Amino acid sequence: MTTLTIAYLTIRETQRRRILWIALALGLLFLFVFCLGFHYVYLDFERTWVGNEEAQLLASLLLAAGLYATNFIAIVISVVTSVTAVSAEVETHTVETLLTKPIRRWELILGKWLGFAVMLLVYIVLLTGSILLFVYLRADYTVSNLLPGMMLMVMQGLLLLSLTIAGGTRLSSLANGVLAFMLYGVAFVGGWVEQIGAIVRNETAVDIGIVASLIMPSEILWKKALTLFQPAFTSSPMMAGPFTVASQPSDAMLVYAVLYMAGMVGFALWSFTRRDL
C-alpha cells in the first residue's frame, strides 16, 4: 500500500511541476506535425496514380519514420522526468523528511519507479497508437504484431527509466542525466554499426554492435519492435533504407534486456537502502 501511495504521489508531483503537461503538449505537437506531413506526402502520391504496392511502400517508410521519432521522444521523456526523482530529493534533504515517517527506503524507490512506469506506459501506448490509427485511416495500412511491438517500445522506455532511477541513488542529477544519454548513445551507434556490418557481412562490425548491446540493450528492443511491426519492410535494405534490420535481435538478447532492467531496479533498491544520507 505504501508503494502504491508513493507511486500516486509521484504522478501528482509531475503534474504539479508541469512536467506531465509539457510532455503531453509536445506529444500532441509531434502528432499534429506527423499527421499533417503524412497526409500531404501521401496525397501527392495519390495524385500521381501510383499503384497500391508503391503507396503501401510509402506508408511503410513514413510510418517507420514516425515510430522512430516516437521512440526517441519516449526515451527523452523517460530520462528527463525521472533524472531528478531521487538525486534532487537527496541534495535538498527532502528525502530525510519522508524517511522519518514509517516508510522503508526500498518502498520509496519502488514507488517512484512504479509511478513513472505507469505514466510512461500510458504515454507511449497513446502516442504510438494514435500514429498507427491515423496511418490506418488515411492509407489503409496496418502493422503486424501490434501489442508485442508496443510492449517492446514500452520496455525500452522502462529500461532507461530503471537506469536513471538506479543512477539517481548514487549520482547527482546532472551526472545521472549525462550517464543515461551517453549509454543510450553507445547503444544507438552500436546498433547502426551492427546493422551495417550485417549488410556488408563484416563480422567485426557485428560483434562491436553486440558488445554495445550488452553494455546497454535499448537499441535491440527498438529494432525488434520495428521488425514485429513491419517484418517484410524492414528485411529489405532497398525498401527500408535507414530502417533496415539486417541483424535480427535474438530471443536471448531480449531476455538479457529484461534481466538488465530488473537488475537496474534491484540495484536501485539495494543502493538507496545502503546509502548514507
C-alpha atoms as a PDB file:
ATOM      1  CA  MET A   1       0.000   0.000   0.000  1.00  0.00           C
ATOM      2  CA  THR A   2       2.845   2.404   0.830  1.00  0.00           C
ATOM      3  CA  THR A   3       4.463   1.736  -2.546  1.00  0.00           C
ATOM      4  CA  LEU A   4       1.211   2.474  -4.392  1.00  0.00           C
ATOM      5  CA  THR A   5       0.741   5.674  -2.397  1.00  0.00           C
ATOM      6  CA  ILE A   6       4.224   6.860  -3.344  1.00  0.00           C
ATOM      7  CA  ALA A   7       3.518   5.974  -6.977  1.00  0.00           C
ATOM      8  CA  TYR A   8       0.359   8.083  -6.869  1.00  0.00           C
ATOM      9  CA  LEU A   9       2.197  10.985  -5.239  1.00  0.00           C
ATOM     10  CA  THR A  10       4.937  10.714  -7.884  1.00  0.00           C
ATOM     11  CA  ILE A  11       2.350  11.152 -10.629  1.00  0.00           C
ATOM     12  CA  ARG A  12       0.822  14.106  -8.794  1.00  0.00           C
ATOM     13  CA  GLU A  13       4.264  15.659  -8.403  1.00  0.00           C
ATOM     14  CA  THR A  14       4.902  15.544 -12.154  1.00  0.00           C
ATOM     15  CA  GLN A  15       1.545  17.247 -12.644  1.00  0.00           C
ATOM     16  CA  ARG A  16       2.375  19.938 -10.095  1.00  0.00           C
ATOM     17  CA  ARG A  17       5.732  20.646 -11.702  1.00  0.00           C
ATOM     18  CA  ARG A  18       4.025  20.690 -15.124  1.00  0.00           C
ATOM     19  CA  ILE A  19       6.392  18.056 -16.489  1.00  0.00           C
ATOM     20  CA  LEU A  20       3.497  15.811 -17.441  1.00  0.00           C
ATOM     21  CA  TRP A  21       1.589  18.602 -19.162  1.00  0.00           C
ATOM     22  CA  ILE A  22       4.639  19.707 -21.142  1.00  0.00           C
ATOM     23  CA  ALA A  23       5.241  16.122 -22.258  1.00  0.00           C
ATOM     24  CA  LEU A  24       1.618  15.801 -23.353  1.00  0.00           C
ATOM     25  CA  ALA A  25       1.723  19.124 -25.208  1.00  0.00           C
ATOM     26  CA  LEU A  26       4.892  18.163 -27.073  1.00  0.00           C
ATOM     27  CA  GLY A  27       3.399  14.769 -27.890  1.00  0.00           C
ATOM     28  CA  LEU A  28       0.313  16.423 -29.378  1.00  0.00           C
ATOM     29  CA  LEU A  29       2.502  18.829 -31.353  1.00  0.00           C
ATOM     30  CA  PHE A  30       4.529  15.952 -32.773  1.00  0.00           C
ATOM     31  CA  LEU A  31       1.357  14.045 -33.609  1.00  0.00           C
ATOM     32  CA  PHE A  32      -0.057  17.075 -35.443  1.00  0.00           C
ATOM     33  CA  VAL A  33       3.132  17.590 -37.473  1.00  0.00           C
ATOM     34  CA  PHE A  34       3.394  13.898 -38.360  1.00  0.00           C
ATOM     35  CA  CYS A  35      -0.239  13.555 -39.408  1.00  0.00           C
ATOM     36  CA  LEU A  36      -0.134  16.751 -41.458  1.00  0.00           C
ATOM     37  CA  GLY A  37       3.099  15.748 -43.183  1.00  0.00           C
ATOM     38  CA  PHE A  38       1.909  12.199 -43.820  1.00  0.00           C
ATOM     39  CA  HIS A  39      -1.368  13.431 -45.309  1.00  0.00           C
ATOM     40  CA  TYR A  40       0.187  15.799 -47.816  1.00  0.00           C
ATOM     41  CA  VAL A  41       3.001  13.471 -48.873  1.00  0.00           C
ATOM     42  CA  TYR A  42       0.551  10.615 -49.348  1.00  0.00           C
ATOM     43  CA  LEU A  43      -1.880  12.928 -51.153  1.00  0.00           C
ATOM     44  CA  ASP A  44       0.829  13.857 -53.635  1.00  0.00           C
ATOM     45  CA  PHE A  45       1.445  10.175 -54.329  1.00  0.00           C
ATOM     46  CA  GLU A  46      -2.275   9.576 -54.830  1.00  0.00           C
ATOM     47  CA  ARG A  47      -2.423  12.331 -57.428  1.00  0.00           C
ATOM     48  CA  THR A  48       0.299  10.650 -59.485  1.00  0.00           C
ATOM     49  CA  TRP A  49      -1.842   7.500 -59.751  1.00  0.00           C
ATOM     50  CA  VAL A  50       0.824   5.212 -58.365  1.00  0.00           C
ATOM     51  CA  GLY A  51      -0.060   1.585 -57.789  1.00  0.00           C
ATOM     52  CA  ASN A  52      -1.151   0.144 -54.473  1.00  0.00           C
ATOM     53  CA  GLU A  53       2.228  -1.503 -53.918  1.00  0.00           C
ATOM     54  CA  GLU A  54       4.097   1.806 -54.214  1.00  0.00           C
ATOM     55  CA  ALA A  55       1.559   3.531 -51.960  1.00  0.00           C
ATOM     56  CA  GLN A  56       1.965   0.846 -49.302  1.00  0.00           C
ATOM     57  CA  LEU A  57       5.737   1.170 -49.512  1.00  0.00           C
ATOM     58  CA  LEU A  58       5.471   4.923 -48.952  1.00  0.00           C
ATOM     59  CA  ALA A  59       3.152   4.381 -45.992  1.00  0.00           C
ATOM     60  CA  SER A  60       5.626   1.865 -44.554  1.00  0.00           C
ATOM     61  CA  LEU A  61       8.529   4.281 -44.859  1.00  0.00           C
ATOM     62  CA  LEU A  62       6.654   7.241 -43.362  1.00  0.00           C
ATOM     63  CA  LEU A  63       5.296   5.095 -40.547  1.00  0.00           C
ATOM     64  CA  ALA A  64       8.783   3.796 -39.728  1.00  0.00           C
ATOM     65  CA  ALA A  65       9.995   7.402 -39.514  1.00  0.00           C
ATOM     66  CA  GLY A  66       7.085   8.303 -37.248  1.00  0.00           C
ATOM     67  CA  LEU A  67       7.673   5.337 -34.967  1.00  0.00           C
ATOM     68  CA  TYR A  68      11.369   6.160 -34.842  1.00  0.00           C
ATOM     69  CA  ALA A  69      10.594   9.707 -33.693  1.00  0.00           C
ATOM     70  CA  THR A  70       8.053   8.387 -31.193  1.00  0.00           C
ATOM     71  CA  ASN A  71      10.627   6.013 -29.780  1.00  0.00           C
ATOM     72  CA  PHE A  72      13.161   8.817 -29.352  1.00  0.00           C
ATOM     73  CA  ILE A  73      10.583  11.067 -27.678  1.00  0.00           C
ATOM     74  CA  ALA A  74       9.765   8.255 -25.249  1.00  0.00           C
ATOM     75  CA  ILE A  75      13.455   7.865 -24.400  1.00  0.00           C
ATOM     76  CA  VAL A  76      13.840  11.575 -23.706  1.00  0.00           C
ATOM     77  CA  ILE A  77      10.672  11.661 -21.598  1.00  0.00           C
ATOM     78  CA  SER A  78      11.726   8.620 -19.566  1.00  0.00           C
ATOM     79  CA  VAL A  79      15.065  10.205 -18.668  1.00  0.00           C
ATOM     80  CA  VAL A  80      14.015  13.834 -18.212  1.00  0.00           C
ATOM     81  CA  THR A  81      11.034  13.074 -15.985  1.00  0.00           C
ATOM     82  CA  SER A  82      12.959  10.779 -13.642  1.00  0.00           C
ATOM     83  CA  VAL A  83      16.505  12.129 -13.642  1.00  0.00           C
ATOM     84  CA  THR A  84      15.901  14.263 -10.536  1.00  0.00           C
ATOM     85  CA  ALA A  85      13.442  11.899  -8.854  1.00  0.00           C
ATOM     86  CA  VAL A  86      15.940  10.600  -6.309  1.00  0.00           C
ATOM     87  CA  SER A  87      19.089  12.719  -6.518  1.00  0.00           C
ATOM     88  CA  ALA A  88      17.315  16.077  -6.195  1.00  0.00           C
ATOM     89  CA  GLU A  89      15.455  14.972  -3.083  1.00  0.00           C
ATOM     90  CA  VAL A  90      18.709  13.758  -1.553  1.00  0.00           C
ATOM     91  CA  GLU A  91      20.505  17.009  -2.411  1.00  0.00           C
ATOM     92  CA  THR A  92      17.696  19.146  -0.944  1.00  0.00           C
ATOM     93  CA  HIS A  93      17.293  16.798   2.058  1.00  0.00           C
ATOM     94  CA  THR A  94      13.604  16.352   1.231  1.00  0.00           C
ATOM     95  CA  VAL A  95      14.041  12.599   1.388  1.00  0.00           C
ATOM     96  CA  GLU A  96      15.071  12.818   5.038  1.00  0.00           C
ATOM     97  CA  THR A  97      11.653  14.222   5.893  1.00  0.00           C
ATOM     98  CA  LEU A  98       9.930  11.395   4.043  1.00  0.00           C
ATOM     99  CA  LEU A  99      12.009   8.698   5.686  1.00  0.00           C
ATOM    100  CA  THR A 100      11.210   9.941   9.199  1.00  0.00           C
ATOM    101  CA  LYS A 101       7.757   8.511   8.559  1.00  0.00           C
ATOM    102  CA  PRO A 102       7.143   4.737   8.583  1.00  0.00           C
ATOM    103  CA  ILE A 103       8.386   4.381   5.013  1.00  0.00           C
ATOM    104  CA  ARG A 104      11.127   1.960   4.078  1.00  0.00           C
ATOM    105  CA  ARG A 105      13.759   3.166   1.658  1.00  0.00           C
ATOM    106  CA  TRP A 106      13.054   0.455  -0.872  1.00  0.00           C
ATOM    107  CA  GLU A 107       9.352   1.355  -0.812  1.00  0.00           C
ATOM    108  CA  LEU A 108      10.219   4.934  -1.714  1.00  0.00           C
ATOM    109  CA  ILE A 109      12.352   3.906  -4.692  1.00  0.00           C
ATOM    110  CA  LEU A 110       9.951   1.235  -5.922  1.00  0.00           C
ATOM    111  CA  GLY A 111       7.008   3.612  -5.592  1.00  0.00           C
ATOM    112  CA  LYS A 112       8.751   6.285  -7.636  1.00  0.00           C
ATOM    113  CA  TRP A 113       9.715   3.757 -10.307  1.00  0.00           C
ATOM    114  CA  LEU A 114       6.163   2.449 -10.475  1.00  0.00           C
ATOM    115  CA  GLY A 115       4.680   5.940 -10.765  1.00  0.00           C
ATOM    116  CA  PHE A 116       6.954   6.908 -13.638  1.00  0.00           C
ATOM    117  CA  ALA A 117       6.445   3.498 -15.265  1.00  0.00           C
ATOM    118  CA  VAL A 118       2.661   3.942 -15.337  1.00  0.00           C
ATOM    119  CA  MET A 119       2.977   7.392 -16.906  1.00  0.00           C
ATOM    120  CA  LEU A 120       5.470   6.131 -19.460  1.00  0.00           C
ATOM    121  CA  LEU A 121       3.282   3.160 -20.361  1.00  0.00           C
ATOM    122  CA  VAL A 122       0.230   5.345 -20.980  1.00  0.00           C
ATOM    123  CA  TYR A 123       2.253   7.958 -22.873  1.00  0.00           C
ATOM    124  CA  ILE A 124       3.909   5.508 -25.276  1.00  0.00           C
ATOM    125  CA  VAL A 125       0.745   3.493 -25.905  1.00  0.00           C
ATOM    126  CA  LEU A 126      -1.341   6.594 -26.621  1.00  0.00           C
ATOM    127  CA  LEU A 127       1.250   8.251 -28.864  1.00  0.00           C
ATOM    128  CA  THR A 128       2.131   5.095 -30.790  1.00  0.00           C
ATOM    129  CA  GLY A 129      -1.490   4.025 -31.034  1.00  0.00           C
ATOM    130  CA  SER A 130      -2.516   7.435 -32.376  1.00  0.00           C
ATOM    131  CA  ILE A 131       0.101   7.263 -35.133  1.00  0.00           C
ATOM    132  CA  LEU A 132      -0.867   3.728 -36.123  1.00  0.00           C
ATOM    133  CA  LEU A 133      -4.568   4.625 -36.121  1.00  0.00           C
ATOM    134  CA  PHE A 134      -4.031   7.684 -38.317  1.00  0.00           C
ATOM    135  CA  VAL A 135      -1.947   5.741 -40.832  1.00  0.00           C
ATOM    136  CA  TYR A 136      -4.640   3.061 -40.968  1.00  0.00           C
ATOM    137  CA  LEU A 137      -7.441   5.587 -41.509  1.00  0.00           C
ATOM    138  CA  ARG A 138      -5.513   7.627 -44.073  1.00  0.00           C
ATOM    139  CA  ALA A 139      -3.669   4.950 -46.038  1.00  0.00           C
ATOM    140  CA  ASP A 140      -5.469   1.742 -45.041  1.00  0.00           C
ATOM    141  CA  TYR A 141      -2.122   0.402 -43.830  1.00  0.00           C
ATOM    142  CA  THR A 142      -1.936  -1.919 -40.838  1.00  0.00           C
ATOM    143  CA  VAL A 143       1.042  -3.290 -38.968  1.00  0.00           C
ATOM    144  CA  SER A 144       1.679  -6.805 -37.756  1.00  0.00           C
ATOM    145  CA  ASN A 145       2.099  -7.880 -34.116  1.00  0.00           C
ATOM    146  CA  LEU A 146       0.633  -4.666 -32.709  1.00  0.00           C
ATOM    147  CA  LEU A 147       0.690  -5.481 -28.989  1.00  0.00           C
ATOM    148  CA  PRO A 148       4.125  -7.201 -28.870  1.00  0.00           C
ATOM    149  CA  GLY A 149       5.674  -4.319 -30.802  1.00  0.00           C
ATOM    150  CA  MET A 150       4.140  -1.725 -28.491  1.00  0.00           C
ATOM    151  CA  MET A 151       5.246  -3.614 -25.412  1.00  0.00           C
ATOM    152  CA  LEU A 152       8.838  -3.683 -26.652  1.00  0.00           C
ATOM    153  CA  MET A 153       8.749   0.093 -27.143  1.00  0.00           C
ATOM    154  CA  VAL A 154       7.388   0.452 -23.615  1.00  0.00           C
ATOM    155  CA  MET A 155      10.090  -1.878 -22.330  1.00  0.00           C
ATOM    156  CA  GLN A 156      12.781   0.303 -23.879  1.00  0.00           C
ATOM    157  CA  GLY A 157      11.395   3.308 -22.038  1.00  0.00           C
ATOM    158  CA  LEU A 158      11.273   1.323 -18.800  1.00  0.00           C
ATOM    159  CA  LEU A 159      14.864   0.241 -19.364  1.00  0.00           C
ATOM    160  CA  LEU A 160      16.038   3.866 -19.496  1.00  0.00           C
ATOM    161  CA  LEU A 161      13.790   4.709 -16.554  1.00  0.00           C
ATOM    162  CA  SER A 162      15.335   1.917 -14.473  1.00  0.00           C
ATOM    163  CA  LEU A 163      18.835   3.052 -15.383  1.00  0.00           C
ATOM    164  CA  THR A 164      18.046   6.653 -14.438  1.00  0.00           C
ATOM    165  CA  ILE A 165      16.451   5.710 -11.120  1.00  0.00           C
ATOM    166  CA  ALA A 166      19.443   3.498 -10.306  1.00  0.00           C
ATOM    167  CA  GLY A 167      21.890   6.251 -11.216  1.00  0.00           C
ATOM    168  CA  GLY A 168      19.987   8.739  -9.077  1.00  0.00           C
ATOM    169  CA  THR A 169      20.720   6.737  -5.947  1.00  0.00           C
ATOM    170  CA  ARG A 170      24.446   7.456  -6.304  1.00  0.00           C
ATOM    171  CA  LEU A 171      24.973  10.335  -8.753  1.00  0.00           C
ATOM    172  CA  SER A 172      23.962  13.973  -8.972  1.00  0.00           C
ATOM    173  CA  SER A 173      21.119  14.900 -11.309  1.00  0.00           C
ATOM    174  CA  LEU A 174      23.456  16.262 -13.987  1.00  0.00           C
ATOM    175  CA  ALA A 175      25.833  13.299 -13.876  1.00  0.00           C
ATOM    176  CA  ASN A 176      22.904  10.907 -13.905  1.00  0.00           C
ATOM    177  CA  GLY A 177      21.394  12.515 -16.999  1.00  0.00           C
ATOM    178  CA  VAL A 178      24.723  12.507 -18.806  1.00  0.00           C
ATOM    179  CA  LEU A 179      25.251   8.829 -17.954  1.00  0.00           C
ATOM    180  CA  ALA A 180      21.800   7.818 -19.222  1.00  0.00           C
ATOM    181  CA  PHE A 181      22.063   9.673 -22.526  1.00  0.00           C
ATOM    182  CA  MET A 182      25.664   8.587 -23.124  1.00  0.00           C
ATOM    183  CA  LEU A 183      24.801   4.920 -22.604  1.00  0.00           C
ATOM    184  CA  TYR A 184      21.843   5.326 -24.930  1.00  0.00           C
ATOM    185  CA  GLY A 185      24.193   6.926 -27.453  1.00  0.00           C
ATOM    186  CA  VAL A 186      26.552   3.961 -27.199  1.00  0.00           C
ATOM    187  CA  ALA A 187      23.656   1.582 -27.865  1.00  0.00           C
ATOM    188  CA  PHE A 188      22.390   3.736 -30.738  1.00  0.00           C
ATOM    189  CA  VAL A 189      25.741   3.917 -32.525  1.00  0.00           C
ATOM    190  CA  GLY A 190      26.452   0.264 -31.796  1.00  0.00           C
ATOM    191  CA  GLY A 191      23.110  -0.691 -33.305  1.00  0.00           C
ATOM    192  CA  TRP A 192      23.894   1.125 -36.541  1.00  0.00           C
ATOM    193  CA  VAL A 193      27.362  -0.432 -36.691  1.00  0.00           C
ATOM    194  CA  GLU A 194      25.843  -3.891 -36.241  1.00  0.00           C
ATOM    195  CA  GLN A 195      23.238  -3.372 -38.973  1.00  0.00           C
ATOM    196  CA  ILE A 196      25.774  -2.009 -41.456  1.00  0.00           C
ATOM    197  CA  GLY A 197      28.123  -4.859 -40.596  1.00  0.00           C
ATOM    198  CA  ALA A 198      25.354  -7.385 -41.246  1.00  0.00           C
ATOM    199  CA  ILE A 199      24.586  -5.842 -44.651  1.00  0.00           C
ATOM    200  CA  VAL A 200      28.222  -5.836 -45.810  1.00  0.00           C
ATOM    201  CA  ARG A 201      28.930  -9.126 -43.975  1.00  0.00           C
ATOM    202  CA  ASN A 202      31.582  -7.718 -41.687  1.00  0.00           C
ATOM    203  CA  GLU A 203      31.670  -9.924 -38.588  1.00  0.00           C
ATOM    204  CA  THR A 204      33.854  -7.491 -36.638  1.00  0.00           C
ATOM    205  CA  ALA A 205      31.301  -4.702 -37.021  1.00  0.00           C
ATOM    206  CA  VAL A 206      28.519  -7.070 -35.978  1.00  0.00           C
ATOM    207  CA  ASP A 207      30.486  -8.098 -32.882  1.00  0.00           C
ATOM    208  CA  ILE A 208      31.037  -4.438 -31.958  1.00  0.00           C
ATOM    209  CA  GLY A 209      27.295  -3.890 -32.149  1.00  0.00           C
ATOM    210  CA  ILE A 210      26.632  -6.912 -29.966  1.00  0.00           C
ATOM    211  CA  VAL A 211      29.071  -5.664 -27.315  1.00  0.00           C
ATOM    212  CA  ALA A 212      27.349  -2.263 -27.375  1.00  0.00           C
ATOM    213  CA  SER A 213      24.013  -4.029 -26.865  1.00  0.00           C
ATOM    214  CA  LEU A 214      25.421  -5.869 -23.865  1.00  0.00           C
ATOM    215  CA  ILE A 215      26.511  -2.554 -22.362  1.00  0.00           C
ATOM    216  CA  MET A 216      23.088  -1.011 -22.979  1.00  0.00           C
ATOM    217  CA  PRO A 217      20.415  -3.219 -24.617  1.00  0.00           C
ATOM    218  CA  SER A 218      17.981  -0.442 -25.511  1.00  0.00           C
ATOM    219  CA  GLU A 219      18.501  -0.445 -29.277  1.00  0.00           C
ATOM    220  CA  ILE A 220      17.735  -4.152 -29.683  1.00  0.00           C
ATOM    221  CA  LEU A 221      14.275  -3.565 -28.211  1.00  0.00           C
ATOM    222  CA  TRP A 222      13.554  -0.862 -30.783  1.00  0.00           C
ATOM    223  CA  LYS A 223      14.900  -2.972 -33.652  1.00  0.00           C
ATOM    224  CA  LYS A 224      12.817  -5.945 -32.568  1.00  0.00           C
ATOM    225  CA  ALA A 225       9.698  -3.786 -32.221  1.00  0.00           C
ATOM    226  CA  LEU A 226      10.159  -2.363 -35.720  1.00  0.00           C
ATOM    227  CA  THR A 227      10.700  -5.868 -37.085  1.00  0.00           C
ATOM    228  CA  LEU A 228       7.482  -7.077 -35.474  1.00  0.00           C
ATOM    229  CA  PHE A 229       5.540  -4.107 -36.810  1.00  0.00           C
ATOM    230  CA  GLN A 230       6.838  -4.376 -40.389  1.00  0.00           C
ATOM    231  CA  PRO A 231       8.627  -7.724 -40.936  1.00  0.00           C
ATOM    232  CA  ALA A 232       8.678  -7.667 -44.753  1.00  0.00           C
ATOM    233  CA  PHE A 233       9.569  -3.979 -44.992  1.00  0.00           C
ATOM    234  CA  THR A 234      12.483  -3.942 -42.525  1.00  0.00           C
ATOM    235  CA  SER A 235      14.161  -7.012 -44.010  1.00  0.00           C
ATOM    236  CA  SER A 236      14.841  -5.285 -47.350  1.00  0.00           C
ATOM    237  CA  PRO A 237      17.604  -2.626 -47.485  1.00  0.00           C
ATOM    238  CA  MET A 238      16.250  -1.462 -50.847  1.00  0.00           C
ATOM    239  CA  MET A 239      12.835  -0.662 -49.338  1.00  0.00           C
ATOM    240  CA  ALA A 240      13.583   0.240 -45.724  1.00  0.00           C
ATOM    241  CA  GLY A 241      16.800   2.187 -46.246  1.00  0.00           C
ATOM    242  CA  PRO A 242      17.954   3.516 -42.845  1.00  0.00           C
ATOM    243  CA  PHE A 243      15.250   1.476 -41.089  1.00  0.00           C
ATOM    244  CA  THR A 244      16.622  -1.849 -42.306  1.00  0.00           C
ATOM    245  CA  VAL A 245      17.048  -4.536 -39.645  1.00  0.00           C
ATOM    246  CA  ALA A 246      19.575  -6.854 -41.265  1.00  0.00           C
ATOM    247  CA  SER A 247      20.775  -8.361 -37.987  1.00  0.00           C
ATOM    248  CA  GLN A 248      17.758  -9.647 -36.077  1.00  0.00           C
ATOM    249  CA  PRO A 249      17.907  -9.408 -32.262  1.00  0.00           C
ATOM    250  CA  SER A 250      17.814 -12.906 -30.806  1.00  0.00           C
ATOM    251  CA  ASP A 251      15.405 -14.093 -28.118  1.00  0.00           C
ATOM    252  CA  ALA A 252      18.388 -14.460 -25.796  1.00  0.00           C
ATOM    253  CA  MET A 253      19.143 -10.734 -26.148  1.00  0.00           C
ATOM    254  CA  LEU A 254      15.527  -9.889 -25.343  1.00  0.00           C
ATOM    255  CA  VAL A 255      15.767 -11.990 -22.190  1.00  0.00           C
ATOM    256  CA  TYR A 256      19.028 -10.212 -21.376  1.00  0.00           C
ATOM    257  CA  ALA A 257      17.295  -6.845 -21.755  1.00  0.00           C
ATOM    258  CA  VAL A 258      14.600  -7.903 -19.283  1.00  0.00           C
ATOM    259  CA  LEU A 259      17.223  -9.126 -16.809  1.00  0.00           C
ATOM    260  CA  TYR A 260      19.190  -5.896 -17.317  1.00  0.00           C
ATOM    261  CA  MET A 261      16.137  -3.831 -16.436  1.00  0.00           C
ATOM    262  CA  ALA A 262      15.349  -5.983 -13.407  1.00  0.00           C
ATOM    263  CA  GLY A 263      18.985  -5.718 -12.343  1.00  0.00           C
ATOM    264  CA  MET A 264      18.870  -1.922 -12.526  1.00  0.00           C
ATOM    265  CA  VAL A 265      15.729  -1.819 -10.383  1.00  0.00           C
ATOM    266  CA  GLY A 266      17.270  -4.253  -7.911  1.00  0.00           C
ATOM    267  CA  PHE A 267      20.466  -2.220  -7.757  1.00  0.00           C
ATOM    268  CA  ALA A 268      18.468   0.958  -7.135  1.00  0.00           C
ATOM    269  CA  LEU A 269      16.649  -0.640  -4.197  1.00  0.00           C
ATOM    270  CA  TRP A 270      19.872  -2.038  -2.726  1.00  0.00           C
ATOM    271  CA  SER A 271      21.943   1.093  -3.348  1.00  0.00           C
ATOM    272  CA  PHE A 272      19.490   3.517  -1.773  1.00  0.00           C
ATOM    273  CA  THR A 273      18.994   1.246   1.219  1.00  0.00           C
ATOM    274  CA  ARG A 274      22.757   1.240   1.861  1.00  0.00           C
ATOM    275  CA  ARG A 275      23.373   4.914   1.084  1.00  0.00           C
ATOM    276  CA  ASP A 276      24.420   7.195   3.928  1.00  0.00           C
ATOM    277  CA  LEU A 277      22.009  10.124   3.959  1.00  0.00           C
END
